[in-house]
Amino acid sequence: MARFPVLAVIPPVVFAGLAALFFVGMQREDPDALPSTFIGRPAPAVSVAPLGDLSEFDEAMLAQPGVKLVNFWASWCAPCRVEHPTLEKLAAEGVPIHGINYKDDPAKALGFLDELGSPYASIGADVDGRTARDWGVYGVPETFVIDGEGRIVLRFAGPVTTRSLEGQIRPAIASAQGEIGQPGTP
């Protein structure tokens, strides 16, 4: 009687399992999006240092009424430069944006803002990257939409462009507002 080669079955079974896992992953609404476990939960703690004499960002600002954005950025980040005009547009529309400068030289960060302007209602420096880590930031830029109760509605990784503004950020802002006319309405 011939023995069945059990070891010959293992590779096809492993391959089928991986193929199923990849297929399920590609069926997500946005397969390129980085998931966040913070959606719907209170925003993590903020521990940042002042950046120059700019209005300092603190954790209490996250619980203030109205929708707000938290944007992680750095002067050495080319995509941060790309998204800057879009952030300025949002700020001009009345959306409060709180900036967290990530692992940057303070003089260079201030020079970046002097050159391009500042869309930030307040700002802080995350010198050692601890706040970014606590927020689950993979890299800069990353932007979070926060509702009026301090909960994260959206995590957007990458530069905020016109396309992402209209397709993801504005819908998240509208969802977080709950009613028309709330502060932070674009």
Protein backbone atom coordinates (compact mmCIF):
# COMPACT_ATOMS: atom_id res chain seq x y z
CA MET A 1 0.00 0.00 0.00
CA ALA A 2 1.37 3.44 -0.97
CA ARG A 3 1.78 6.12 1.65
CA PHE A 4 0.27 9.53 1.05
CA PRO A 5 3.05 12.20 1.01
CA VAL A 6 1.82 14.69 3.62
CA LEU A 7 4.74 17.02 3.02
CA ALA A 8 3.72 17.36 -0.65
CA VAL A 9 0.37 18.86 0.41
CA ILE A 10 1.75 21.60 2.67
CA PRO A 11 3.06 24.00 -0.04
CA PRO A 12 -0.22 24.11 -2.04
CA VAL A 13 -2.23 24.60 1.16
CA VAL A 14 0.03 27.46 2.30
CA PHE A 15 -0.16 29.03 -1.17
CA ALA A 16 -3.97 28.79 -1.20
CA GLY A 17 -4.13 30.40 2.25
CA LEU A 18 -1.89 33.31 1.19
CA ALA A 19 -3.85 33.77 -2.04
CA ALA A 20 -7.10 33.94 -0.05
CA LEU A 21 -5.57 36.45 2.38
CA PHE A 22 -4.36 38.69 -0.47
CA PHE A 23 -7.74 38.45 -2.22
CA VAL A 24 -9.63 39.48 0.91
CA GLY A 25 -7.19 42.37 1.45
CA MET A 26 -7.73 43.64 -2.08
CA GLN A 27 -11.50 43.70 -1.58
CA ARG A 28 -11.26 46.55 0.92
CA GLU A 29 -12.85 49.85 -0.08
CA ASP A 30 -9.43 51.44 -0.53
CA PRO A 31 -6.71 48.79 -0.76
CA ASP A 32 -3.99 51.47 -0.67
CA ALA A 33 -5.21 53.04 2.59
CA LEU A 34 -3.31 52.33 5.77
CA PRO A 35 -5.80 51.16 8.39
CA SER A 36 -5.99 52.84 11.78
CA THR A 37 -7.24 51.35 15.02
CA PHE A 38 -7.94 54.87 16.29
CA ILE A 39 -10.98 55.59 14.08
CA GLY A 40 -13.94 56.36 16.34
CA ARG A 41 -11.76 56.51 19.44
CA PRO A 42 -10.47 59.53 21.38
CA ALA A 43 -7.35 61.06 19.92
CA PRO A 44 -4.17 59.91 21.69
CA ALA A 45 -2.22 62.14 24.02
CA VAL A 46 -0.25 65.07 22.65
CA SER A 47 3.12 65.88 24.15
CA VAL A 48 4.91 68.51 22.09
CA ALA A 49 7.39 71.31 22.67
CA PRO A 50 6.85 74.91 21.57
CA LEU A 51 8.08 75.84 18.10
CA GLY A 52 9.51 79.34 18.22
CA ASP A 53 6.97 81.84 19.50
CA LEU A 54 4.07 80.31 17.51
CA SER A 55 0.75 79.53 19.19
CA GLU A 56 1.38 76.31 21.10
CA PHE A 57 -0.68 73.16 20.47
CA ASP A 58 -1.89 71.18 23.44
CA GLU A 59 -4.16 68.24 24.09
CA ALA A 60 -7.06 70.40 25.36
CA MET A 61 -7.50 71.80 21.84
CA LEU A 62 -8.61 68.37 20.62
CA ALA A 63 -11.68 68.41 22.87
CA GLN A 64 -12.82 71.88 21.83
CA PRO A 65 -16.11 72.07 19.93
CA GLY A 66 -16.00 71.82 16.16
CA VAL A 67 -14.15 69.75 13.64
CA LYS A 68 -10.41 70.20 13.45
CA LEU A 69 -7.45 68.64 11.68
CA VAL A 70 -4.14 67.50 13.12
CA ASN A 71 -1.35 67.49 10.54
CA PHE A 72 2.05 65.85 11.08
CA TRP A 73 4.68 67.54 8.87
CA ALA A 74 8.38 68.38 8.55
CA SER A 75 10.47 70.89 6.61
CA TRP A 76 12.56 68.07 5.08
CA CYS A 77 9.43 66.36 3.72
CA ALA A 78 8.85 67.04 0.00
CA PRO A 79 5.18 65.85 0.06
CA CYS A 80 4.58 68.30 2.94
CA ARG A 81 5.55 71.10 0.58
CA VAL A 82 3.10 69.69 -2.01
CA GLU A 83 0.16 69.62 0.41
CA HIS A 84 0.83 73.05 1.92
CA PRO A 85 -1.35 75.12 -0.49
CA THR A 86 -4.27 72.75 0.11
CA LEU A 87 -3.89 73.12 3.88
CA GLU A 88 -3.76 76.90 3.51
CA LYS A 89 -6.98 76.76 1.48
CA LEU A 90 -8.70 74.76 4.23
CA ALA A 91 -7.43 77.15 6.91
CA ALA A 92 -8.71 80.13 4.90
CA GLU A 93 -12.13 78.43 4.83
CA GLY A 94 -12.13 78.36 8.63
CA VAL A 95 -11.06 74.79 9.32
CA PRO A 96 -8.73 74.80 12.34
CA ILE A 97 -5.55 72.87 11.60
CA HIS A 98 -3.16 71.99 14.40
CA GLY A 99 0.35 71.19 13.20
CA ILE A 100 2.80 68.77 14.74
CA ASN A 101 6.32 69.27 13.41
CA TYR A 102 7.95 65.84 13.30
CA LYS A 103 11.64 65.28 14.20
CA ASP A 104 12.75 68.51 12.58
CA ASP A 105 15.33 71.22 13.14
CA PRO A 106 13.35 74.12 14.69
CA ALA A 107 15.14 76.75 12.57
CA LYS A 108 14.36 74.85 9.37
CA ALA A 109 10.75 74.30 10.42
CA LEU A 110 10.29 78.01 11.11
CA GLY A 111 12.00 78.83 7.79
CA PHE A 112 9.56 76.50 6.00
CA LEU A 113 6.61 78.37 7.53
CA ASP A 114 8.18 81.78 6.83
CA GLU A 115 8.62 80.83 3.18
CA LEU A 116 5.24 79.18 2.55
CA GLY A 117 3.01 80.69 5.23
CA SER A 118 1.39 78.91 8.12
CA PRO A 119 -2.01 77.23 7.84
CA TYR A 120 -1.83 76.21 11.50
CA ALA A 121 -4.05 77.56 14.28
CA SER A 122 -1.48 76.14 16.69
CA ILE A 123 1.68 74.13 16.41
CA GLY A 124 4.05 72.00 18.42
CA ALA A 125 7.32 70.18 17.84
CA ASP A 126 7.49 66.41 18.25
CA VAL A 127 11.25 66.38 18.74
CA ASP A 128 11.70 62.69 19.56
CA GLY A 129 8.74 61.30 17.57
CA ARG A 130 6.90 60.04 20.66
CA THR A 131 3.59 61.73 19.82
CA ALA A 132 3.75 60.49 16.22
CA ARG A 133 4.36 56.96 17.47
CA ASP A 134 1.44 57.22 19.90
CA TRP A 135 -0.79 58.34 17.01
CA GLY A 136 0.36 55.47 14.78
CA VAL A 137 2.02 57.75 12.25
CA TYR A 138 4.01 55.84 9.62
CA GLY A 139 5.62 58.91 8.08
CA VAL A 140 4.92 62.51 7.23
CA PRO A 141 2.68 63.98 6.08
CA GLU A 142 -0.27 62.43 7.85
CA THR A 143 -3.51 64.22 8.64
CA PHE A 144 -6.24 63.31 11.10
CA VAL A 145 -9.81 64.64 11.09
CA ILE A 146 -11.03 65.07 14.69
CA ASP A 147 -14.67 65.61 15.62
CA GLY A 148 -16.02 68.05 18.24
CA GLU A 149 -15.66 65.45 20.99
CA GLY A 150 -12.00 64.75 20.29
CA ARG A 151 -12.53 61.47 18.44
CA ILE A 152 -10.63 60.52 15.29
CA VAL A 153 -12.89 60.35 12.25
CA LEU A 154 -10.25 59.84 9.55
CA ARG A 155 -6.55 59.14 9.27
CA PHE A 156 -5.11 60.18 5.94
CA ALA A 157 -1.54 59.16 5.12
CA GLY A 158 0.22 61.15 2.42
CA PRO A 159 -0.10 64.68 1.09
CA VAL A 160 -3.54 66.30 1.13
CA THR A 161 -4.12 67.12 -2.53
CA THR A 162 -7.20 68.53 -4.24
CA ARG A 163 -8.26 64.99 -5.10
CA SER A 164 -7.89 63.63 -1.57
CA LEU A 165 -9.44 66.79 -0.13
CA GLU A 166 -12.61 66.33 -2.18
CA GLY A 167 -12.69 62.52 -2.04
CA GLN A 168 -11.77 61.85 1.58
CA ILE A 169 -11.05 64.86 3.79
CA ARG A 170 -14.19 66.94 3.07
CA PRO A 171 -16.53 63.93 3.40
CA ALA A 172 -14.89 63.10 6.76
CA ILE A 173 -15.27 66.71 7.89
CA ALA A 174 -18.95 66.68 6.87
CA SER A 175 -19.46 63.38 8.69
CA ALA A 176 -17.78 64.73 11.83
CA GLN A 177 -19.84 67.90 11.86
CA GLY A 178 -23.14 66.18 12.39
CA GLU A 179 -24.93 69.43 11.55
CA ILE A 180 -24.46 72.30 9.13
CA GLY A 181 -23.01 75.51 10.49
CA GLN A 182 -20.76 74.06 13.17
CA PRO A 183 -17.39 75.80 13.57
CA GLY A 184 -14.83 74.31 11.25
CA THR A 185 -17.25 74.14 8.34
CA PRO A 186 -15.43 74.37 5.02
